[in-house]
PDB file of N, CA and C in Angstrom:
ATOM      1  N   MET A   1      75.295 108.328 121.940  1.00  0.00           N
ATOM      2  CA  MET A   1      75.919 107.385 122.841  1.00  0.00           C
ATOM      3  C   MET A   1      77.442 107.480 122.677  1.00  0.00           C
ATOM      4  N   PHE A   2      78.150 107.398 123.754  1.00  0.00           N
ATOM      5  CA  PHE A   2      79.615 107.491 123.757  1.00  0.00           C
ATOM      6  C   PHE A   2      80.213 106.137 123.423  1.00  0.00           C
ATOM      7  N   ASP A   3      81.043 106.104 122.392  1.00  0.00           N
ATOM      8  CA  ASP A   3      81.772 104.889 122.014  1.00  0.00           C
ATOM      9  C   ASP A   3      83.246 105.167 122.229  1.00  0.00           C
ATOM     10  N   GLU A   4      83.825 104.519 123.224  1.00  0.00           N
ATOM     11  CA  GLU A   4      85.203 104.797 123.609  1.00  0.00           C
ATOM     12  C   GLU A   4      86.191 104.585 122.470  1.00  0.00           C
ATOM     13  N   GLU A   5      85.990 103.533 121.662  1.00  0.00           N
ATOM     14  CA  GLU A   5      86.912 103.257 120.558  1.00  0.00           C
ATOM     15  C   GLU A   5      86.902 104.385 119.530  1.00  0.00           C
ATOM     16  N   ILE A   6      85.739 104.849 119.164  1.00  0.00           N
ATOM     17  CA  ILE A   6      85.635 105.929 118.171  1.00  0.00           C
ATOM     18  C   ILE A   6      86.239 107.213 118.711  1.00  0.00           C
ATOM     19  N   HIS A   7      85.890 107.564 119.918  1.00  0.00           N
ATOM     20  CA  HIS A   7      86.372 108.812 120.485  1.00  0.00           C
ATOM     21  C   HIS A   7      87.859 108.758 120.822  1.00  0.00           C
ATOM     22  N   SER A   8      88.362 107.617 121.219  1.00  0.00           N
ATOM     23  CA  SER A   8      89.788 107.482 121.505  1.00  0.00           C
ATOM     24  C   SER A   8      90.605 107.567 120.230  1.00  0.00           C
ATOM     25  N   ALA A   9      90.147 106.948 119.179  1.00  0.00           N
ATOM     26  CA  ALA A   9      90.866 106.997 117.901  1.00  0.00           C
ATOM     27  C   ALA A   9      90.918 108.418 117.370  1.00  0.00           C
ATOM     28  N   ALA A  10      89.826 109.125 117.471  1.00  0.00           N
ATOM     29  CA  ALA A  10      89.805 110.518 117.015  1.00  0.00           C
ATOM     30  C   ALA A  10      90.743 111.360 117.857  1.00  0.00           C
ATOM     31  N   ASN A  11      90.808 111.059 119.136  1.00  0.00           N
ATOM     32  CA  ASN A  11      91.686 111.779 120.044  1.00  0.00           C
ATOM     33  C   ASN A  11      93.147 111.600 119.666  1.00  0.00           C
ATOM     34  N   ASP A  12      93.532 110.367 119.316  1.00  0.00           N
ATOM     35  CA  ASP A  12      94.920 110.085 118.965  1.00  0.00           C
ATOM     36  C   ASP A  12      95.350 110.829 117.710  1.00  0.00           C
ATOM     37  N   THR A  13      94.469 110.926 116.721  1.00  0.00           N
ATOM     38  CA  THR A  13      94.848 111.578 115.465  1.00  0.00           C
ATOM     39  C   THR A  13      94.875 113.092 115.591  1.00  0.00           C
ATOM     40  N   SER A  14      94.224 113.635 116.600  1.00  0.00           N
ATOM     41  CA  SER A  14      94.238 115.087 116.760  1.00  0.00           C
ATOM     42  C   SER A  14      95.253 115.532 117.809  1.00  0.00           C
ATOM     43  N   ASN A  15      95.952 114.603 118.414  1.00  0.00           N
ATOM     44  CA  ASN A  15      96.956 114.896 119.418  1.00  0.00           C
ATOM     45  C   ASN A  15      98.172 115.533 118.735  1.00  0.00           C
ATOM     46  N   PRO A  16      98.572 116.737 119.148  1.00  0.00           N
ATOM     47  CA  PRO A  16      99.706 117.410 118.503  1.00  0.00           C
ATOM     48  C   PRO A  16     100.997 116.600 118.526  1.00  0.00           C
ATOM     49  N   ALA A  17     101.259 115.885 119.593  1.00  0.00           N
ATOM     50  CA  ALA A  17     102.481 115.076 119.663  1.00  0.00           C
ATOM     51  C   ALA A  17     102.436 113.946 118.635  1.00  0.00           C
ATOM     52  N   THR A  18     101.283 113.312 118.501  1.00  0.00           N
ATOM     53  CA  THR A  18     101.123 112.238 117.520  1.00  0.00           C
ATOM     54  C   THR A  18     101.291 112.783 116.113  1.00  0.00           C
ATOM     55  N   LEU A  19     100.690 113.919 115.844  1.00  0.00           N
ATOM     56  CA  LEU A  19     100.808 114.536 114.524  1.00  0.00           C
ATOM     57  C   LEU A  19     102.255 114.909 114.210  1.00  0.00           C
ATOM     58  N   ALA A  20     102.972 115.412 115.188  1.00  0.00           N
ATOM     59  CA  ALA A  20     104.378 115.779 114.979  1.00  0.00           C
ATOM     60  C   ALA A  20     105.222 114.545 114.671  1.00  0.00           C
ATOM     61  N   LEU A  21     104.983 113.454 115.397  1.00  0.00           N
ATOM     62  CA  LEU A  21     105.724 112.213 115.136  1.00  0.00           C
ATOM     63  C   LEU A  21     105.401 111.651 113.751  1.00  0.00           C
ATOM     64  N   GLN A  22     104.144 111.719 113.353  1.00  0.00           N
ATOM     65  CA  GLN A  22     103.770 111.240 112.027  1.00  0.00           C
ATOM     66  C   GLN A  22     104.452 112.070 110.949  1.00  0.00           C
ATOM     67  N   SER A  23     104.519 113.363 111.146  1.00  0.00           N
ATOM     68  CA  SER A  23     105.172 114.242 110.185  1.00  0.00           C
ATOM     69  C   SER A  23     106.663 113.941 110.096  1.00  0.00           C
ATOM     70  N   ALA A  24     107.297 113.737 111.244  1.00  0.00           N
ATOM     71  CA  ALA A  24     108.730 113.414 111.265  1.00  0.00           C
ATOM     72  C   ALA A  24     108.984 112.078 110.580  1.00  0.00           C
ATOM     73  N   ASP A  25     108.125 111.095 110.854  1.00  0.00           N
ATOM     74  CA  ASP A  25     108.257 109.791 110.205  1.00  0.00           C
ATOM     75  C   ASP A  25     108.123 109.920 108.701  1.00  0.00           C
ATOM     76  N   HIS A  26     107.181 110.729 108.258  1.00  0.00           N
ATOM     77  CA  HIS A  26     106.968 110.935 106.822  1.00  0.00           C
ATOM     78  C   HIS A  26     108.199 111.577 106.184  1.00  0.00           C
ATOM     79  N   GLN A  27     108.795 112.534 106.860  1.00  0.00           N
ATOM     80  CA  GLN A  27     109.988 113.206 106.330  1.00  0.00           C
ATOM     81  C   GLN A  27     111.166 112.237 106.233  1.00  0.00           C
ATOM     82  N   ILE A  28     111.338 111.400 107.245  1.00  0.00           N
ATOM     83  CA  ILE A  28     112.418 110.417 107.234  1.00  0.00           C
ATOM     84  C   ILE A  28     112.202 109.424 106.108  1.00  0.00           C
ATOM     85  N   PHE A  29     110.962 108.951 105.952  1.00  0.00           N
ATOM     86  CA  PHE A  29     110.656 108.014 104.884  1.00  0.00           C
ATOM     87  C   PHE A  29     110.918 108.640 103.518  1.00  0.00           C
ATOM     88  N   ARG A  30     110.479 109.871 103.322  1.00  0.00           N
ATOM     89  CA  ARG A  30     110.665 110.553 102.040  1.00  0.00           C
ATOM     90  C   ARG A  30     112.149 110.737 101.734  1.00  0.00           C
ATOM     91  N   GLN A  31     112.930 111.096 102.739  1.00  0.00           N
ATOM     92  CA  GLN A  31     114.365 111.279 102.561  1.00  0.00           C
ATOM     93  C   GLN A  31     115.026 109.954 102.159  1.00  0.00           C
ATOM     94  N   ALA A  32     114.662 108.879 102.834  1.00  0.00           N
ATOM     95  CA  ALA A  32     115.223 107.565 102.510  1.00  0.00           C
ATOM     96  C   ALA A  32     114.798 107.121 101.119  1.00  0.00           C
ATOM     97  N   LEU A  33     113.548 107.329 100.771  1.00  0.00           N
ATOM     98  CA  LEU A  33     113.045 106.963  99.450  1.00  0.00           C
ATOM     99  C   LEU A  33     113.768 107.734  98.359  1.00  0.00           C
ATOM    100  N   ASP A  34     114.017 109.001  98.591  1.00  0.00           N
ATOM    101  CA  ASP A  34     114.713 109.830  97.608  1.00  0.00           C
ATOM    102  C   ASP A  34     116.152 109.373  97.369  1.00  0.00           C
ATOM    103  N   GLU A  35     116.748 108.697  98.343  1.00  0.00           N
ATOM    104  CA  GLU A  35     118.130 108.232  98.197  1.00  0.00           C
ATOM    105  C   GLU A  35     118.256 106.923  97.415  1.00  0.00           C
ATOM    106  N   LEU A  36     117.140 106.239  97.241  1.00  0.00           N
ATOM    107  CA  LEU A  36     117.195 104.993  96.483  1.00  0.00           C
ATOM    108  C   LEU A  36     117.500 105.281  95.017  1.00  0.00           C
ATOM    109  N   PRO A  37     118.216 104.377  94.353  1.00  0.00           N
ATOM    110  CA  PRO A  37     118.389 104.515  92.908  1.00  0.00           C
ATOM    111  C   PRO A  37     117.011 104.507  92.227  1.00  0.00           C
ATOM    112  N   VAL A  38     116.917 105.165  91.097  1.00  0.00           N
ATOM    113  CA  VAL A  38     115.633 105.340  90.413  1.00  0.00           C
ATOM    114  C   VAL A  38     114.915 104.009  90.175  1.00  0.00           C
ATOM    115  N   GLU A  39     115.645 102.993  89.721  1.00  0.00           N
ATOM    116  CA  GLU A  39     114.988 101.723  89.415  1.00  0.00           C
ATOM    117  C   GLU A  39     114.430 101.051  90.666  1.00  0.00           C
ATOM    118  N   PHE A  40     115.061 101.266  91.814  1.00  0.00           N
ATOM    119  CA  PHE A  40     114.531 100.737  93.071  1.00  0.00           C
ATOM    120  C   PHE A  40     113.351 101.568  93.558  1.00  0.00           C
ATOM    121  N   ARG A  41     113.493 102.875  93.487  1.00  0.00           N
ATOM    122  CA  ARG A  41     112.424 103.770  93.928  1.00  0.00           C
ATOM    123  C   ARG A  41     111.148 103.515  93.130  1.00  0.00           C
ATOM    124  N   GLU A  42     111.305 103.299  91.833  1.00  0.00           N
ATOM    125  CA  GLU A  42     110.155 103.071  90.964  1.00  0.00           C
ATOM    126  C   GLU A  42     109.323 101.871  91.426  1.00  0.00           C
ATOM    127  N   VAL A  43     109.982 100.750  91.685  1.00  0.00           N
ATOM    128  CA  VAL A  43     109.218  99.557  92.071  1.00  0.00           C
ATOM    129  C   VAL A  43     108.617  99.683  93.468  1.00  0.00           C
ATOM    130  N   VAL A  44     109.309 100.343  94.375  1.00  0.00           N
ATOM    131  CA  VAL A  44     108.757 100.545  95.723  1.00  0.00           C
ATOM    132  C   VAL A  44     107.514 101.422  95.662  1.00  0.00           C
ATOM    133  N   VAL A  45     107.597 102.508  94.933  1.00  0.00           N
ATOM    134  CA  VAL A  45     106.448 103.413  94.828  1.00  0.00           C
ATOM    135  C   VAL A  45     105.267 102.707  94.174  1.00  0.00           C
ATOM    136  N   LEU A  46     105.530 102.019  93.070  1.00  0.00           N
ATOM    137  CA  LEU A  46     104.441 101.357  92.357  1.00  0.00           C
ATOM    138  C   LEU A  46     103.809 100.238  93.181  1.00  0.00           C
ATOM    139  N   ARG A  47     104.611  99.471  93.892  1.00  0.00           N
ATOM    140  CA  ARG A  47     104.076  98.332  94.650  1.00  0.00           C
ATOM    141  C   ARG A  47     103.541  98.736  96.013  1.00  0.00           C
ATOM    142  N   ASP A  48     104.372  99.395  96.808  1.00  0.00           N
ATOM    143  CA  ASP A  48     104.014  99.641  98.201  1.00  0.00           C
ATOM    144  C   ASP A  48     103.165 100.884  98.420  1.00  0.00           C
ATOM    145  N   LEU A  49     103.302 101.867  97.553  1.00  0.00           N
ATOM    146  CA  LEU A  49     102.510 103.085  97.723  1.00  0.00           C
ATOM    147  C   LEU A  49     101.302 103.133  96.796  1.00  0.00           C
ATOM    148  N   GLU A  50     101.474 102.633  95.574  1.00  0.00           N
ATOM    149  CA  GLU A  50     100.385 102.675  94.593  1.00  0.00           C
ATOM    150  C   GLU A  50      99.634 101.351  94.484  1.00  0.00           C
ATOM    151  N   ASP A  51     100.162 100.294  95.091  1.00  0.00           N
ATOM    152  CA  ASP A  51      99.511  98.986  95.161  1.00  0.00           C
ATOM    153  C   ASP A  51      99.307  98.301  93.803  1.00  0.00           C
ATOM    154  N   PHE A  52     100.243  98.505  92.875  1.00  0.00           N
ATOM    155  CA  PHE A  52     100.192  97.807  91.599  1.00  0.00           C
ATOM    156  C   PHE A  52     100.668  96.370  91.801  1.00  0.00           C
ATOM    157  N   SER A  53     100.204  95.462  90.965  1.00  0.00           N
ATOM    158  CA  SER A  53     100.656  94.074  91.014  1.00  0.00           C
ATOM    159  C   SER A  53     102.038  93.969  90.368  1.00  0.00           C
ATOM    160  N   TYR A  54     102.708  92.834  90.603  1.00  0.00           N
ATOM    161  CA  TYR A  54     104.010  92.611  89.971  1.00  0.00           C
ATOM    162  C   TYR A  54     103.876  92.648  88.449  1.00  0.00           C
ATOM    163  N   LYS A  55     102.823  92.055  87.955  1.00  0.00           N
ATOM    164  CA  LYS A  55     102.593  92.031  86.508  1.00  0.00           C
ATOM    165  C   LYS A  55     102.415  93.444  85.962  1.00  0.00           C
ATOM    166  N   GLU A  56     101.637  94.267  86.648  1.00  0.00           N
ATOM    167  CA  GLU A  56     101.419  95.648  86.204  1.00  0.00           C
ATOM    168  C   GLU A  56     102.722  96.449  86.241  1.00  0.00           C
ATOM    169  N   ILE A  57     103.506  96.245  87.276  1.00  0.00           N
ATOM    170  CA  ILE A  57     104.782  96.957  87.393  1.00  0.00           C
ATOM    171  C   ILE A  57     105.712  96.542  86.261  1.00  0.00           C
ATOM    172  N   ALA A  58     105.732  95.253  85.960  1.00  0.00           N
ATOM    173  CA  ALA A  58     106.574  94.757  84.864  1.00  0.00           C
ATOM    174  C   ALA A  58     106.187  95.418  83.546  1.00  0.00           C
ATOM    175  N   GLU A  59     104.903  95.586  83.321  1.00  0.00           N
ATOM    176  CA  GLU A  59     104.429  96.235  82.100  1.00  0.00           C
ATOM    177  C   GLU A  59     104.780  97.721  82.085  1.00  0.00           C
ATOM    178  N   ILE A  60     104.588  98.381  83.197  1.00  0.00           N
ATOM    179  CA  ILE A  60     104.880  99.821  83.286  1.00  0.00           C
ATOM    180  C   ILE A  60     106.367 100.082  83.084  1.00  0.00           C
ATOM    181  N   ALA A  61     107.204  99.299  83.773  1.00  0.00           N
ATOM    182  CA  ALA A  61     108.652  99.518  83.728  1.00  0.00           C
ATOM    183  C   ALA A  61     109.314  98.820  82.541  1.00  0.00           C
ATOM    184  N   ASN A  62     108.540  98.009  81.833  1.00  0.00           N
ATOM    185  CA  ASN A  62     109.051  97.272  80.680  1.00  0.00           C
ATOM    186  C   ASN A  62     110.232  96.368  81.056  1.00  0.00           C
ATOM    187  N   ILE A  63     110.016  95.600  82.140  1.00  0.00           N
ATOM    188  CA  ILE A  63     111.020  94.654  82.627  1.00  0.00           C
ATOM    189  C   ILE A  63     110.306  93.343  82.968  1.00  0.00           C
ATOM    190  N   PRO A  64     111.043  92.229  83.021  1.00  0.00           N
ATOM    191  CA  PRO A  64     110.422  90.957  83.403  1.00  0.00           C
ATOM    192  C   PRO A  64     109.910  90.976  84.850  1.00  0.00           C
ATOM    193  N   ARG A  65     108.905  90.161  85.118  1.00  0.00           N
ATOM    194  CA  ARG A  65     108.316  90.117  86.456  1.00  0.00           C
ATOM    195  C   ARG A  65     109.342  89.680  87.502  1.00  0.00           C
ATOM    196  N   GLY A  66     110.240  88.765  87.134  1.00  0.00           N
ATOM    197  CA  GLY A  66     111.291  88.344  88.059  1.00  0.00           C
ATOM    198  C   GLY A  66     112.208  89.494  88.447  1.00  0.00           C
ATOM    199  N   THR A  67     112.461  90.385  87.502  1.00  0.00           N
ATOM    200  CA  THR A  67     113.281  91.567  87.783  1.00  0.00           C
ATOM    201  C   THR A  67     112.561  92.493  88.750  1.00  0.00           C
ATOM    202  N   VAL A  68     111.245  92.616  88.578  1.00  0.00           N
ATOM    203  CA  VAL A  68     110.448  93.428  89.510  1.00  0.00           C
ATOM    204  C   VAL A  68     110.624  92.878  90.921  1.00  0.00           C
ATOM    205  N   MET A  69     110.496  91.570  91.050  1.00  0.00           N
ATOM    206  CA  MET A  69     110.576  90.952  92.373  1.00  0.00           C
ATOM    207  C   MET A  69     111.959  91.124  92.995  1.00  0.00           C
ATOM    208  N   SER A  70     113.010  90.942  92.217  1.00  0.00           N
ATOM    209  CA  SER A  70     114.361  91.085  92.786  1.00  0.00           C
ATOM    210  C   SER A  70     114.666  92.543  93.113  1.00  0.00           C
ATOM    211  N   ARG A  71     114.255  93.464  92.246  1.00  0.00           N
ATOM    212  CA  ARG A  71     114.475  94.891  92.542  1.00  0.00           C
ATOM    213  C   ARG A  71     113.728  95.305  93.791  1.00  0.00           C
ATOM    214  N   LEU A  72     112.515  94.805  93.932  1.00  0.00           N
ATOM    215  CA  LEU A  72     111.711  95.161  95.091  1.00  0.00           C
ATOM    216  C   LEU A  72     112.358  94.638  96.374  1.00  0.00           C
ATOM    217  N   ALA A  73     112.863  93.426  96.344  1.00  0.00           N
ATOM    218  CA  ALA A  73     113.537  92.868  97.526  1.00  0.00           C
ATOM    219  C   ALA A  73     114.778  93.690  97.879  1.00  0.00           C
ATOM    220  N   ARG A  74     115.567  94.022  96.873  1.00  0.00           N
ATOM    221  CA  ARG A  74     116.773  94.832  97.117  1.00  0.00           C
ATOM    222  C   ARG A  74     116.409  96.233  97.581  1.00  0.00           C
ATOM    223  N   ALA A  75     115.387  96.802  96.967  1.00  0.00           N
ATOM    224  CA  ALA A  75     114.964  98.158  97.334  1.00  0.00           C
ATOM    225  C   ALA A  75     114.467  98.205  98.770  1.00  0.00           C
ATOM    226  N   ARG A  76     113.684  97.226  99.167  1.00  0.00           N
ATOM    227  CA  ARG A  76     113.164  97.199 100.539  1.00  0.00           C
ATOM    228  C   ARG A  76     114.296  97.043 101.553  1.00  0.00           C
ATOM    229  N   GLU A  77     115.275  96.225 101.224  1.00  0.00           N
ATOM    230  CA  GLU A  77     116.410  96.053 102.132  1.00  0.00           C
ATOM    231  C   GLU A  77     117.202  97.352 102.267  1.00  0.00           C
ATOM    232  N   ARG A  78     117.449  98.002 101.147  1.00  0.00           N
ATOM    233  CA  ARG A  78     118.194  99.265 101.186  1.00  0.00           C
ATOM    234  C   ARG A  78     117.387 100.341 101.904  1.00  0.00           C
ATOM    235  N   LEU A  79     116.083 100.365 101.674  1.00  0.00           N
ATOM    236  CA  LEU A  79     115.213 101.332 102.346  1.00  0.00           C
ATOM    237  C   LEU A  79     115.226 101.093 103.853  1.00  0.00           C
ATOM    238  N   LYS A  80     115.206  99.838 104.249  1.00  0.00           N
ATOM    239  CA  LYS A  80     115.274  99.491 105.677  1.00  0.00           C
ATOM    240  C   LYS A  80     116.568 100.015 106.292  1.00  0.00           C
ATOM    241  N   GLN A  81     117.688  99.835 105.597  1.00  0.00           N
ATOM    242  CA  GLN A  81     118.974 100.314 106.095  1.00  0.00           C
ATOM    243  C   GLN A  81     118.973 101.836 106.229  1.00  0.00           C
ATOM    244  N   LEU A  82     118.429 102.515 105.220  1.00  0.00           N
ATOM    245  CA  LEU A  82     118.377 103.978 105.261  1.00  0.00           C
ATOM    246  C   LEU A  82     117.476 104.475 106.384  1.00  0.00           C
ATOM    247  N   LEU A  83     116.347 103.823 106.574  1.00  0.00           N
ATOM    248  CA  LEU A  83     115.433 104.237 107.639  1.00  0.00           C
ATOM    249  C   LEU A  83     116.067 104.033 109.010  1.00  0.00           C
ATOM    250  N   CYS A  84     116.811 102.961 109.163  1.00  0.00           N
ATOM    251  CA  CYS A  84     117.518 102.740 110.426  1.00  0.00           C
ATOM    252  C   CYS A  84     118.557 103.825 110.662  1.00  0.00           C
ATOM    253  N   LYS A  85     119.262 104.195 109.600  1.00  0.00           N
ATOM    254  CA  LYS A  85     120.287 105.238 109.714  1.00  0.00           C
ATOM    255  C   LYS A  85     119.652 106.577 110.086  1.00  0.00           C
ATOM    256  N   TYR A  86     118.594 106.957 109.395  1.00  0.00           N
ATOM    257  CA  TYR A  86     117.973 108.268 109.649  1.00  0.00           C
ATOM    258  C   TYR A  86     117.204 108.299 110.954  1.00  0.00           C
ATOM    259  N   GLY A  87     116.621 107.184 111.309  1.00  0.00           N
ATOM    260  CA  GLY A  87     115.840 107.138 112.539  1.00  0.00           C
ATOM    261  C   GLY A  87     116.657 106.734 113.738  1.00  0.00           C
ATOM    262  N   ASN A  88     117.981 106.532 113.522  1.00  0.00           N
ATOM    263  CA  ASN A  88     118.868 106.051 114.591  1.00  0.00           C
ATOM    264  C   ASN A  88     118.313 104.793 115.241  1.00  0.00           C
ATOM    265  N   LEU A  89     117.762 103.914 114.396  1.00  0.00           N
ATOM    266  CA  LEU A  89     117.228 102.647 114.873  1.00  0.00           C
ATOM    267  C   LEU A  89     118.250 101.564 114.628  1.00  0.00           C
ATOM    268  N   SER A  90     118.130 100.474 115.335  1.00  0.00           N
ATOM    269  CA  SER A  90     119.043  99.355 115.074  1.00  0.00           C
ATOM    270  C   SER A  90     118.284  98.088 114.842  1.00  0.00           C
TER     271      SER A  90
END
């Protein structure tokens, strides 16, 4: 039986234009992430990409949980600025 949602979703992921845009987005994100200072990059990767809790990040980085939270807020703001710059977004 044909299910439009399943077949449409598969169509979108195999579309060459969609794949090219996803690749470009990934490159822009990686470039922006690489520009972050190490202490900011560390918390972003651990929280947003690896899905660690604040407590786990604090233990891994050997810093207080409040420091994790403030670094993450600053890192996300700086990452947003970099992504806007590279993506020519405003």
